[in-house]
Amino acid sequence: DAPDYYPAWERLAAIYRQSEDKKDEYLRVAREMTRLFPQDAVGFGYLGEAHLQKNQREEAVKAFNQAFVIAPDYSFAGYSLFDLYFEDGETENCQSVLQTLEEFVKE
């Protein structure tokens, strides 16, 4: 009844995130979240994770990077981005992410 009701999309993402056989649905929902609120870092975090679940690394990096640009204190995106860069041997990008995390994340 309300296709633009963001909390419902977020709830669906949380449900699909846990399901091994709902990867396509998870990706669809995460894309919808970023469409509805393109300045919400969490939506891009879900999108990055959904891409990873479908073995779409390049798209995952883009989504996590977008989340991290929007909210440099969003540690999930930063740590995920760092891991991907590290696995790909991109040391300069790793260093950049770590510097941003050090500046903005106080855990």
PDB file of N, CA and C in Angstrom:
ATOM      1  N   ASP A   1       0.803  -1.206   0.000  1.00  0.00           N
ATOM      2  CA  ASP A   1       0.000   0.000   0.000  1.00  0.00           C
ATOM      3  C   ASP A   1       0.846   1.271   0.000  1.00  0.00           C
ATOM      4  N   ALA A   2       2.046   1.190   0.545  1.00  0.00           N
ATOM      5  CA  ALA A   2       2.912   2.372   0.636  1.00  0.00           C
ATOM      6  C   ALA A   2       4.319   2.012   0.149  1.00  0.00           C
ATOM      7  N   PRO A   3       4.534   1.977  -1.168  1.00  0.00           N
ATOM      8  CA  PRO A   3       5.829   1.530  -1.693  1.00  0.00           C
ATOM      9  C   PRO A   3       7.009   2.437  -1.349  1.00  0.00           C
ATOM     10  N   ASP A   4       6.746   3.643  -0.862  1.00  0.00           N
ATOM     11  CA  ASP A   4       7.827   4.549  -0.488  1.00  0.00           C
ATOM     12  C   ASP A   4       8.063   4.582   1.023  1.00  0.00           C
ATOM     13  N   TYR A   5       7.488   3.636   1.746  1.00  0.00           N
ATOM     14  CA  TYR A   5       7.636   3.581   3.195  1.00  0.00           C
ATOM     15  C   TYR A   5       8.964   2.897   3.539  1.00  0.00           C
ATOM     16  N   TYR A   6       9.961   3.729   3.789  1.00  0.00           N
ATOM     17  CA  TYR A   6      11.331   3.254   3.984  1.00  0.00           C
ATOM     18  C   TYR A   6      11.473   2.220   5.103  1.00  0.00           C
ATOM     19  N   PRO A   7      10.855   2.402   6.268  1.00  0.00           N
ATOM     20  CA  PRO A   7      11.034   1.405   7.327  1.00  0.00           C
ATOM     21  C   PRO A   7      10.628  -0.017   6.911  1.00  0.00           C
ATOM     22  N   ALA A   8       9.653  -0.134   6.031  1.00  0.00           N
ATOM     23  CA  ALA A   8       9.262  -1.467   5.566  1.00  0.00           C
ATOM     24  C   ALA A   8      10.374  -2.081   4.709  1.00  0.00           C
ATOM     25  N   TRP A   9      10.991  -1.266   3.847  1.00  0.00           N
ATOM     26  CA  TRP A   9      12.095  -1.762   3.027  1.00  0.00           C
ATOM     27  C   TRP A   9      13.274  -2.168   3.911  1.00  0.00           C
ATOM     28  N   GLU A  10      13.526  -1.373   4.941  1.00  0.00           N
ATOM     29  CA  GLU A  10      14.632  -1.681   5.846  1.00  0.00           C
ATOM     30  C   GLU A  10      14.376  -2.995   6.587  1.00  0.00           C
ATOM     31  N   ARG A  11      13.148  -3.212   6.983  1.00  0.00           N
ATOM     32  CA  ARG A  11      12.794  -4.469   7.667  1.00  0.00           C
ATOM     33  C   ARG A  11      12.962  -5.658   6.725  1.00  0.00           C
ATOM     34  N   LEU A  12      12.514  -5.496   5.480  1.00  0.00           N
ATOM     35  CA  LEU A  12      12.687  -6.563   4.489  1.00  0.00           C
ATOM     36  C   LEU A  12      14.168  -6.870   4.268  1.00  0.00           C
ATOM     37  N   ALA A  13      14.975  -5.838   4.194  1.00  0.00           N
ATOM     38  CA  ALA A  13      16.419  -6.041   4.009  1.00  0.00           C
ATOM     39  C   ALA A  13      16.990  -6.854   5.171  1.00  0.00           C
ATOM     40  N   ALA A  14      16.580  -6.534   6.379  1.00  0.00           N
ATOM     41  CA  ALA A  14      17.073  -7.258   7.549  1.00  0.00           C
ATOM     42  C   ALA A  14      16.658  -8.733   7.501  1.00  0.00           C
ATOM     43  N   ILE A  15      15.471  -8.998   7.005  1.00  0.00           N
ATOM     44  CA  ILE A  15      14.996 -10.383   6.892  1.00  0.00           C
ATOM     45  C   ILE A  15      15.752 -11.114   5.789  1.00  0.00           C
ATOM     46  N   TYR A  16      15.820 -10.525   4.603  1.00  0.00           N
ATOM     47  CA  TYR A  16      16.477 -11.180   3.473  1.00  0.00           C
ATOM     48  C   TYR A  16      17.971 -11.342   3.690  1.00  0.00           C
ATOM     49  N   ARG A  17      18.546 -10.461   4.443  1.00  0.00           N
ATOM     50  CA  ARG A  17      19.981 -10.513   4.735  1.00  0.00           C
ATOM     51  C   ARG A  17      20.366 -11.839   5.379  1.00  0.00           C
ATOM     52  N   GLN A  18      19.473 -12.387   6.163  1.00  0.00           N
ATOM     53  CA  GLN A  18      19.741 -13.617   6.913  1.00  0.00           C
ATOM     54  C   GLN A  18      19.430 -14.889   6.131  1.00  0.00           C
ATOM     55  N   SER A  19      18.845 -14.745   4.953  1.00  0.00           N
ATOM     56  CA  SER A  19      18.376 -15.913   4.211  1.00  0.00           C
ATOM     57  C   SER A  19      19.306 -16.237   3.038  1.00  0.00           C
ATOM     58  N   GLU A  20      19.801 -17.449   3.012  1.00  0.00           N
ATOM     59  CA  GLU A  20      20.695 -17.883   1.940  1.00  0.00           C
ATOM     60  C   GLU A  20      20.006 -17.939   0.580  1.00  0.00           C
ATOM     61  N   ASP A  21      18.720 -18.204   0.555  1.00  0.00           N
ATOM     62  CA  ASP A  21      18.019 -18.378  -0.720  1.00  0.00           C
ATOM     63  C   ASP A  21      17.255 -17.132  -1.165  1.00  0.00           C
ATOM     64  N   LYS A  22      17.529 -15.995  -0.565  1.00  0.00           N
ATOM     65  CA  LYS A  22      16.835 -14.744  -0.907  1.00  0.00           C
ATOM     66  C   LYS A  22      17.801 -13.655  -1.365  1.00  0.00           C
ATOM     67  N   LYS A  23      18.913 -14.049  -1.993  1.00  0.00           N
ATOM     68  CA  LYS A  23      19.937 -13.089  -2.396  1.00  0.00           C
ATOM     69  C   LYS A  23      19.422 -12.092  -3.426  1.00  0.00           C
ATOM     70  N   ASP A  24      18.631 -12.562  -4.377  1.00  0.00           N
ATOM     71  CA  ASP A  24      18.076 -11.653  -5.387  1.00  0.00           C
ATOM     72  C   ASP A  24      17.123 -10.648  -4.752  1.00  0.00           C
ATOM     73  N   GLU A  25      16.299 -11.127  -3.832  1.00  0.00           N
ATOM     74  CA  GLU A  25      15.365 -10.243  -3.149  1.00  0.00           C
ATOM     75  C   GLU A  25      16.100  -9.218  -2.291  1.00  0.00           C
ATOM     76  N   TYR A  26      17.159  -9.673  -1.619  1.00  0.00           N
ATOM     77  CA  TYR A  26      17.961  -8.774  -0.792  1.00  0.00           C
ATOM     78  C   TYR A  26      18.547  -7.647  -1.646  1.00  0.00           C
ATOM     79  N   LEU A  27      19.091  -7.992  -2.792  1.00  0.00           N
ATOM     80  CA  LEU A  27      19.661  -6.988  -3.680  1.00  0.00           C
ATOM     81  C   LEU A  27      18.586  -6.020  -4.182  1.00  0.00           C
ATOM     82  N   ARG A  28      17.430  -6.550  -4.545  1.00  0.00           N
ATOM     83  CA  ARG A  28      16.331  -5.698  -5.027  1.00  0.00           C
ATOM     84  C   ARG A  28      15.885  -4.719  -3.948  1.00  0.00           C
ATOM     85  N   VAL A  29      15.751  -5.197  -2.735  1.00  0.00           N
ATOM     86  CA  VAL A  29      15.313  -4.357  -1.623  1.00  0.00           C
ATOM     87  C   VAL A  29      16.361  -3.290  -1.310  1.00  0.00           C
ATOM     88  N   ALA A  30      17.624  -3.680  -1.296  1.00  0.00           N
ATOM     89  CA  ALA A  30      18.694  -2.716  -1.014  1.00  0.00           C
ATOM     90  C   ALA A  30      18.740  -1.625  -2.082  1.00  0.00           C
ATOM     91  N   ARG A  31      18.540  -2.002  -3.327  1.00  0.00           N
ATOM     92  CA  ARG A  31      18.495  -0.998  -4.398  1.00  0.00           C
ATOM     93  C   ARG A  31      17.334  -0.036  -4.188  1.00  0.00           C
ATOM     94  N   GLU A  32      16.213  -0.561  -3.767  1.00  0.00           N
ATOM     95  CA  GLU A  32      15.049   0.292  -3.525  1.00  0.00           C
ATOM     96  C   GLU A  32      15.323   1.265  -2.373  1.00  0.00           C
ATOM     97  N   MET A  33      16.014   0.801  -1.361  1.00  0.00           N
ATOM     98  CA  MET A  33      16.357   1.666  -0.233  1.00  0.00           C
ATOM     99  C   MET A  33      17.222   2.840  -0.698  1.00  0.00           C
ATOM    100  N   THR A  34      18.201   2.557  -1.559  1.00  0.00           N
ATOM    101  CA  THR A  34      19.081   3.638  -2.024  1.00  0.00           C
ATOM    102  C   THR A  34      18.355   4.568  -2.989  1.00  0.00           C
ATOM    103  N   ARG A  35      17.358   4.048  -3.668  1.00  0.00           N
ATOM    104  CA  ARG A  35      16.555   4.902  -4.548  1.00  0.00           C
ATOM    105  C   ARG A  35      15.700   5.862  -3.717  1.00  0.00           C
ATOM    106  N   LEU A  36      15.099   5.336  -2.671  1.00  0.00           N
ATOM    107  CA  LEU A  36      14.219   6.153  -1.834  1.00  0.00           C
ATOM    108  C   LEU A  36      14.990   7.208  -1.047  1.00  0.00           C
ATOM    109  N   PHE A  37      16.143   6.831  -0.513  1.00  0.00           N
ATOM    110  CA  PHE A  37      16.938   7.736   0.305  1.00  0.00           C
ATOM    111  C   PHE A  37      18.406   7.668  -0.127  1.00  0.00           C
ATOM    112  N   PRO A  38      18.749   8.359  -1.208  1.00  0.00           N
ATOM    113  CA  PRO A  38      20.113   8.271  -1.737  1.00  0.00           C
ATOM    114  C   PRO A  38      21.179   8.912  -0.838  1.00  0.00           C
ATOM    115  N   GLN A  39      20.780   9.576   0.222  1.00  0.00           N
ATOM    116  CA  GLN A  39      21.750  10.152   1.152  1.00  0.00           C
ATOM    117  C   GLN A  39      21.828   9.374   2.464  1.00  0.00           C
ATOM    118  N   ASP A  40      21.279   8.158   2.465  1.00  0.00           N
ATOM    119  CA  ASP A  40      21.312   7.314   3.653  1.00  0.00           C
ATOM    120  C   ASP A  40      22.417   6.273   3.510  1.00  0.00           C
ATOM    121  N   ALA A  41      23.420   6.375   4.336  1.00  0.00           N
ATOM    122  CA  ALA A  41      24.568   5.470   4.251  1.00  0.00           C
ATOM    123  C   ALA A  41      24.185   4.025   4.516  1.00  0.00           C
ATOM    124  N   VAL A  42      23.242   3.792   5.407  1.00  0.00           N
ATOM    125  CA  VAL A  42      22.861   2.424   5.768  1.00  0.00           C
ATOM    126  C   VAL A  42      22.305   1.672   4.562  1.00  0.00           C
ATOM    127  N   GLY A  43      21.510   2.341   3.744  1.00  0.00           N
ATOM    128  CA  GLY A  43      20.991   1.701   2.539  1.00  0.00           C
ATOM    129  C   GLY A  43      22.110   1.221   1.639  1.00  0.00           C
ATOM    130  N   PHE A  44      23.147   2.047   1.498  1.00  0.00           N
ATOM    131  CA  PHE A  44      24.296   1.649   0.682  1.00  0.00           C
ATOM    132  C   PHE A  44      25.110   0.540   1.359  1.00  0.00           C
ATOM    133  N   GLY A  45      25.088   0.496   2.685  1.00  0.00           N
ATOM    134  CA  GLY A  45      25.726  -0.618   3.391  1.00  0.00           C
ATOM    135  C   GLY A  45      25.024  -1.928   3.076  1.00  0.00           C
ATOM    136  N   TYR A  46      23.687  -1.896   3.121  1.00  0.00           N
ATOM    137  CA  TYR A  46      22.925  -3.086   2.733  1.00  0.00           C
ATOM    138  C   TYR A  46      23.215  -3.455   1.277  1.00  0.00           C
ATOM    139  N   LEU A  47      23.264  -2.449   0.414  1.00  0.00           N
ATOM    140  CA  LEU A  47      23.505  -2.703  -0.999  1.00  0.00           C
ATOM    141  C   LEU A  47      24.871  -3.351  -1.218  1.00  0.00           C
ATOM    142  N   GLY A  48      25.887  -2.846  -0.540  1.00  0.00           N
ATOM    143  CA  GLY A  48      27.215  -3.442  -0.659  1.00  0.00           C
ATOM    144  C   GLY A  48      27.220  -4.890  -0.212  1.00  0.00           C
ATOM    145  N   GLU A  49      26.586  -5.157   0.906  1.00  0.00           N
ATOM    146  CA  GLU A  49      26.540  -6.527   1.407  1.00  0.00           C
ATOM    147  C   GLU A  49      25.748  -7.441   0.467  1.00  0.00           C
ATOM    148  N   ALA A  50      24.655  -6.930  -0.083  1.00  0.00           N
ATOM    149  CA  ALA A  50      23.857  -7.722  -1.025  1.00  0.00           C
ATOM    150  C   ALA A  50      24.680  -8.058  -2.267  1.00  0.00           C
ATOM    151  N   HIS A  51      25.449  -7.103  -2.749  1.00  0.00           N
ATOM    152  CA  HIS A  51      26.324  -7.376  -3.895  1.00  0.00           C
ATOM    153  C   HIS A  51      27.373  -8.430  -3.543  1.00  0.00           C
ATOM    154  N   LEU A  52      27.930  -8.343  -2.354  1.00  0.00           N
ATOM    155  CA  LEU A  52      28.912  -9.348  -1.939  1.00  0.00           C
ATOM    156  C   LEU A  52      28.300 -10.738  -1.903  1.00  0.00           C
ATOM    157  N   GLN A  53      27.077 -10.831  -1.413  1.00  0.00           N
ATOM    158  CA  GLN A  53      26.416 -12.134  -1.351  1.00  0.00           C
ATOM    159  C   GLN A  53      26.214 -12.733  -2.736  1.00  0.00           C
ATOM    160  N   LYS A  54      26.174 -11.881  -3.739  1.00  0.00           N
ATOM    161  CA  LYS A  54      26.012 -12.350  -5.117  1.00  0.00           C
ATOM    162  C   LYS A  54      27.350 -12.363  -5.873  1.00  0.00           C
ATOM    163  N   ASN A  55      28.448 -12.250  -5.118  1.00  0.00           N
ATOM    164  CA  ASN A  55      29.804 -12.266  -5.687  1.00  0.00           C
ATOM    165  C   ASN A  55      30.020 -11.164  -6.715  1.00  0.00           C
ATOM    166  N   GLN A  56      29.483  -9.995  -6.447  1.00  0.00           N
ATOM    167  CA  GLN A  56      29.650  -8.827  -7.316  1.00  0.00           C
ATOM    168  C   GLN A  56      30.532  -7.816  -6.589  1.00  0.00           C
ATOM    169  N   ARG A  57      31.832  -8.116  -6.540  1.00  0.00           N
ATOM    170  CA  ARG A  57      32.782  -7.333  -5.741  1.00  0.00           C
ATOM    171  C   ARG A  57      32.874  -5.878  -6.175  1.00  0.00           C
ATOM    172  N   GLU A  58      32.964  -5.643  -7.469  1.00  0.00           N
ATOM    173  CA  GLU A  58      33.122  -4.275  -7.955  1.00  0.00           C
ATOM    174  C   GLU A  58      31.933  -3.404  -7.536  1.00  0.00           C
ATOM    175  N   GLU A  59      30.738  -3.951  -7.665  1.00  0.00           N
ATOM    176  CA  GLU A  59      29.543  -3.215  -7.256  1.00  0.00           C
ATOM    177  C   GLU A  59      29.507  -3.024  -5.743  1.00  0.00           C
ATOM    178  N   ALA A  60      29.989  -4.038  -5.011  1.00  0.00           N
ATOM    179  CA  ALA A  60      30.040  -3.927  -3.552  1.00  0.00           C
ATOM    180  C   ALA A  60      30.976  -2.806  -3.130  1.00  0.00           C
ATOM    181  N   VAL A  61      32.142  -2.732  -3.760  1.00  0.00           N
ATOM    182  CA  VAL A  61      33.096  -1.661  -3.445  1.00  0.00           C
ATOM    183  C   VAL A  61      32.449  -0.302  -3.696  1.00  0.00           C
ATOM    184  N   LYS A  62      31.766  -0.163  -4.813  1.00  0.00           N
ATOM    185  CA  LYS A  62      31.107   1.112  -5.127  1.00  0.00           C
ATOM    186  C   LYS A  62      30.068   1.476  -4.077  1.00  0.00           C
ATOM    187  N   ALA A  63      29.265   0.505  -3.669  1.00  0.00           N
ATOM    188  CA  ALA A  63      28.213   0.772  -2.684  1.00  0.00           C
ATOM    189  C   ALA A  63      28.814   1.126  -1.320  1.00  0.00           C
ATOM    190  N   PHE A  64      29.797   0.348  -0.871  1.00  0.00           N
ATOM    191  CA  PHE A  64      30.430   0.650   0.416  1.00  0.00           C
ATOM    192  C   PHE A  64      31.133   1.999   0.379  1.00  0.00           C
ATOM    193  N   ASN A  65      31.764   2.290  -0.742  1.00  0.00           N
ATOM    194  CA  ASN A  65      32.436   3.582  -0.880  1.00  0.00           C
ATOM    195  C   ASN A  65      31.413   4.719  -0.794  1.00  0.00           C
ATOM    196  N   GLN A  66      30.281   4.565  -1.459  1.00  0.00           N
ATOM    197  CA  GLN A  66      29.239   5.596  -1.395  1.00  0.00           C
ATOM    198  C   GLN A  66      28.751   5.780   0.038  1.00  0.00           C
ATOM    199  N   ALA A  67      28.545   4.682   0.729  1.00  0.00           N
ATOM    200  CA  ALA A  67      28.114   4.764   2.133  1.00  0.00           C
ATOM    201  C   ALA A  67      29.148   5.496   2.969  1.00  0.00           C
ATOM    202  N   PHE A  68      30.415   5.201   2.735  1.00  0.00           N
ATOM    203  CA  PHE A  68      31.498   5.786   3.513  1.00  0.00           C
ATOM    204  C   PHE A  68      31.676   7.265   3.199  1.00  0.00           C
ATOM    205  N   VAL A  69      31.412   7.657   1.965  1.00  0.00           N
ATOM    206  CA  VAL A  69      31.459   9.079   1.595  1.00  0.00           C
ATOM    207  C   VAL A  69      30.330   9.835   2.289  1.00  0.00           C
ATOM    208  N   ILE A  70      29.151   9.243   2.298  1.00  0.00           N
ATOM    209  CA  ILE A  70      27.990   9.889   2.930  1.00  0.00           C
ATOM    210  C   ILE A  70      28.211  10.030   4.435  1.00  0.00           C
ATOM    211  N   ALA A  71      28.731   8.965   5.044  1.00  0.00           N
ATOM    212  CA  ALA A  71      28.899   8.957   6.503  1.00  0.00           C
ATOM    213  C   ALA A  71      30.242   8.308   6.856  1.00  0.00           C
ATOM    214  N   PRO A  72      31.294   9.102   6.955  1.00  0.00           N
ATOM    215  CA  PRO A  72      32.607   8.532   7.258  1.00  0.00           C
ATOM    216  C   PRO A  72      32.707   7.905   8.652  1.00  0.00           C
ATOM    217  N   ASP A  73      31.690   8.090   9.464  1.00  0.00           N
ATOM    218  CA  ASP A  73      31.663   7.438  10.771  1.00  0.00           C
ATOM    219  C   ASP A  73      30.889   6.117  10.739  1.00  0.00           C
ATOM    220  N   TYR A  74      30.434   5.706   9.564  1.00  0.00           N
ATOM    221  CA  TYR A  74      29.703   4.450   9.405  1.00  0.00           C
ATOM    222  C   TYR A  74      30.723   3.315   9.316  1.00  0.00           C
ATOM    223  N   SER A  75      31.052   2.763  10.457  1.00  0.00           N
ATOM    224  CA  SER A  75      32.156   1.810  10.535  1.00  0.00           C
ATOM    225  C   SER A  75      31.907   0.539   9.733  1.00  0.00           C
ATOM    226  N   PHE A  76      30.666   0.079   9.617  1.00  0.00           N
ATOM    227  CA  PHE A  76      30.391  -1.124   8.837  1.00  0.00           C
ATOM    228  C   PHE A  76      30.876  -0.945   7.399  1.00  0.00           C
ATOM    229  N   ALA A  77      30.559   0.187   6.807  1.00  0.00           N
ATOM    230  CA  ALA A  77      30.993   0.448   5.432  1.00  0.00           C
ATOM    231  C   ALA A  77      32.510   0.575   5.366  1.00  0.00           C
ATOM    232  N   GLY A  78      33.096   1.276   6.312  1.00  0.00           N
ATOM    233  CA  GLY A  78      34.543   1.464   6.314  1.00  0.00           C
ATOM    234  C   GLY A  78      35.299   0.155   6.463  1.00  0.00           C
ATOM    235  N   TYR A  79      34.892  -0.656   7.419  1.00  0.00           N
ATOM    236  CA  TYR A  79      35.572  -1.934   7.624  1.00  0.00           C
ATOM    237  C   TYR A  79      35.371  -2.874   6.438  1.00  0.00           C
ATOM    238  N   SER A  80      34.174  -2.862   5.870  1.00  0.00           N
ATOM    239  CA  SER A  80      33.898  -3.704   4.703  1.00  0.00           C
ATOM    240  C   SER A  80      34.744  -3.259   3.513  1.00  0.00           C
ATOM    241  N   LEU A  81      34.826  -1.967   3.328  1.00  0.00           N
ATOM    242  CA  LEU A  81      35.631  -1.416   2.244  1.00  0.00           C
ATOM    243  C   LEU A  81      37.107  -1.751   2.450  1.00  0.00           C
ATOM    244  N   PHE A  82      37.584  -1.593   3.662  1.00  0.00           N
ATOM    245  CA  PHE A  82      38.971  -1.939   3.966  1.00  0.00           C
ATOM    246  C   PHE A  82      39.249  -3.399   3.619  1.00  0.00           C
ATOM    247  N   ASP A  83      38.375  -4.299   4.056  1.00  0.00           N
ATOM    248  CA  ASP A  83      38.569  -5.724   3.792  1.00  0.00           C
ATOM    249  C   ASP A  83      38.668  -6.015   2.298  1.00  0.00           C
ATOM    250  N   LEU A  84      37.784  -5.406   1.522  1.00  0.00           N
ATOM    251  CA  LEU A  84      37.810  -5.634   0.071  1.00  0.00           C
ATOM    252  C   LEU A  84      39.098  -5.094  -0.549  1.00  0.00           C
ATOM    253  N   TYR A  85      39.485  -3.895  -0.141  1.00  0.00           N
ATOM    254  CA  TYR A  85      40.739  -3.333  -0.663  1.00  0.00           C
ATOM    255  C   TYR A  85      41.940  -4.199  -0.257  1.00  0.00           C
ATOM    256  N   PHE A  86      41.941  -4.661   0.982  1.00  0.00           N
ATOM    257  CA  PHE A  86      43.030  -5.496   1.473  1.00  0.00           C
ATOM    258  C   PHE A  86      43.134  -6.787   0.666  1.00  0.00           C
ATOM    259  N   GLU A  87      41.988  -7.430   0.443  1.00  0.00           N
ATOM    260  CA  GLU A  87      41.962  -8.668  -0.335  1.00  0.00           C
ATOM    261  C   GLU A  87      42.458  -8.449  -1.763  1.00  0.00           C
ATOM    262  N   ASP A  88      42.236  -7.251  -2.281  1.00  0.00           N
ATOM    263  CA  ASP A  88      42.662  -6.937  -3.648  1.00  0.00           C
ATOM    264  C   ASP A  88      44.077  -6.350  -3.703  1.00  0.00           C
ATOM    265  N   GLY A  89      44.728  -6.226  -2.550  1.00  0.00           N
ATOM    266  CA  GLY A  89      46.092  -5.712  -2.514  1.00  0.00           C
ATOM    267  C   GLY A  89      46.205  -4.227  -2.781  1.00  0.00           C
ATOM    268  N   GLU A  90      45.146  -3.489  -2.553  1.00  0.00           N
ATOM    269  CA  GLU A  90      45.135  -2.045  -2.799  1.00  0.00           C
ATOM    270  C   GLU A  90      45.536  -1.309  -1.519  1.00  0.00           C
ATOM    271  N   THR A  91      46.836  -1.283  -1.264  1.00  0.00           N
ATOM    272  CA  THR A  91      47.336  -0.758   0.007  1.00  0.00           C
ATOM    273  C   THR A  91      47.083   0.738   0.194  1.00  0.00           C
ATOM    274  N   GLU A  92      47.168   1.516  -0.875  1.00  0.00           N
ATOM    275  CA  GLU A  92      46.905   2.957  -0.730  1.00  0.00           C
ATOM    276  C   GLU A  92      45.451   3.206  -0.321  1.00  0.00           C
ATOM    277  N   ASN A  93      44.535   2.466  -0.920  1.00  0.00           N
ATOM    278  CA  ASN A  93      43.128   2.608  -0.543  1.00  0.00           C
ATOM    279  C   ASN A  93      42.896   2.137   0.888  1.00  0.00           C
ATOM    280  N   CYS A  94      43.572   1.059   1.288  1.00  0.00           N
ATOM    281  CA  CYS A  94      43.475   0.584   2.673  1.00  0.00           C
ATOM    282  C   CYS A  94      43.906   1.679   3.640  1.00  0.00           C
ATOM    283  N   GLN A  95      45.024   2.302   3.326  1.00  0.00           N
ATOM    284  CA  GLN A  95      45.557   3.356   4.189  1.00  0.00           C
ATOM    285  C   GLN A  95      44.587   4.531   4.287  1.00  0.00           C
ATOM    286  N   SER A  96      43.995   4.897   3.175  1.00  0.00           N
ATOM    287  CA  SER A  96      43.031   6.003   3.162  1.00  0.00           C
ATOM    288  C   SER A  96      41.812   5.690   4.023  1.00  0.00           C
ATOM    289  N   VAL A  97      41.305   4.470   3.893  1.00  0.00           N
ATOM    290  CA  VAL A  97      40.144   4.067   4.696  1.00  0.00           C
ATOM    291  C   VAL A  97      40.504   4.079   6.175  1.00  0.00           C
ATOM    292  N   LEU A  98      41.662   3.542   6.516  1.00  0.00           N
ATOM    293  CA  LEU A  98      42.083   3.522   7.922  1.00  0.00           C
ATOM    294  C   LEU A  98      42.220   4.924   8.505  1.00  0.00           C
ATOM    295  N   GLN A  99      42.753   5.843   7.721  1.00  0.00           N
ATOM    296  CA  GLN A  99      42.886   7.219   8.197  1.00  0.00           C
ATOM    297  C   GLN A  99      41.517   7.842   8.471  1.00  0.00           C
ATOM    298  N   THR A 100      40.579   7.586   7.587  1.00  0.00           N
ATOM    299  CA  THR A 100      39.229   8.123   7.780  1.00  0.00           C
ATOM    300  C   THR A 100      38.571   7.479   8.999  1.00  0.00           C
ATOM    301  N   LEU A 101      38.695   6.176   9.128  1.00  0.00           N
ATOM    302  CA  LEU A 101      38.126   5.492  10.292  1.00  0.00           C
ATOM    303  C   LEU A 101      38.731   6.031  11.579  1.00  0.00           C
ATOM    304  N   GLU A 102      40.039   6.221  11.581  1.00  0.00           N
ATOM    305  CA  GLU A 102      40.725   6.732  12.770  1.00  0.00           C
ATOM    306  C   GLU A 102      40.206   8.119  13.155  1.00  0.00           C
ATOM    307  N   GLU A 103      39.911   8.919  12.149  1.00  0.00           N
ATOM    308  CA  GLU A 103      39.434  10.275  12.393  1.00  0.00           C
ATOM    309  C   GLU A 103      37.991  10.319  12.871  1.00  0.00           C
ATOM    310  N   PHE A 104      37.142   9.460  12.313  1.00  0.00           N
ATOM    311  CA  PHE A 104      35.702   9.602  12.542  1.00  0.00           C
ATOM    312  C   PHE A 104      35.080   8.554  13.459  1.00  0.00           C
ATOM    313  N   VAL A 105      35.691   7.386  13.603  1.00  0.00           N
ATOM    314  CA  VAL A 105      35.091   6.322  14.395  1.00  0.00           C
ATOM    315  C   VAL A 105      35.798   6.224  15.736  1.00  0.00           C
ATOM    316  N   LYS A 106      35.029   6.419  16.767  1.00  0.00           N
ATOM    317  CA  LYS A 106      35.567   6.375  18.135  1.00  0.00           C
ATOM    318  C   LYS A 106      34.909   5.227  18.881  1.00  0.00           C
ATOM    319  N   GLU A 107      35.434   4.011  18.656  1.00  0.00           N
ATOM    320  CA  GLU A 107      34.848   2.830  19.306  1.00  0.00           C
ATOM    321  C   GLU A 107      35.736   2.322  20.391  1.00  0.00           C
TER     322      GLU A 107
END
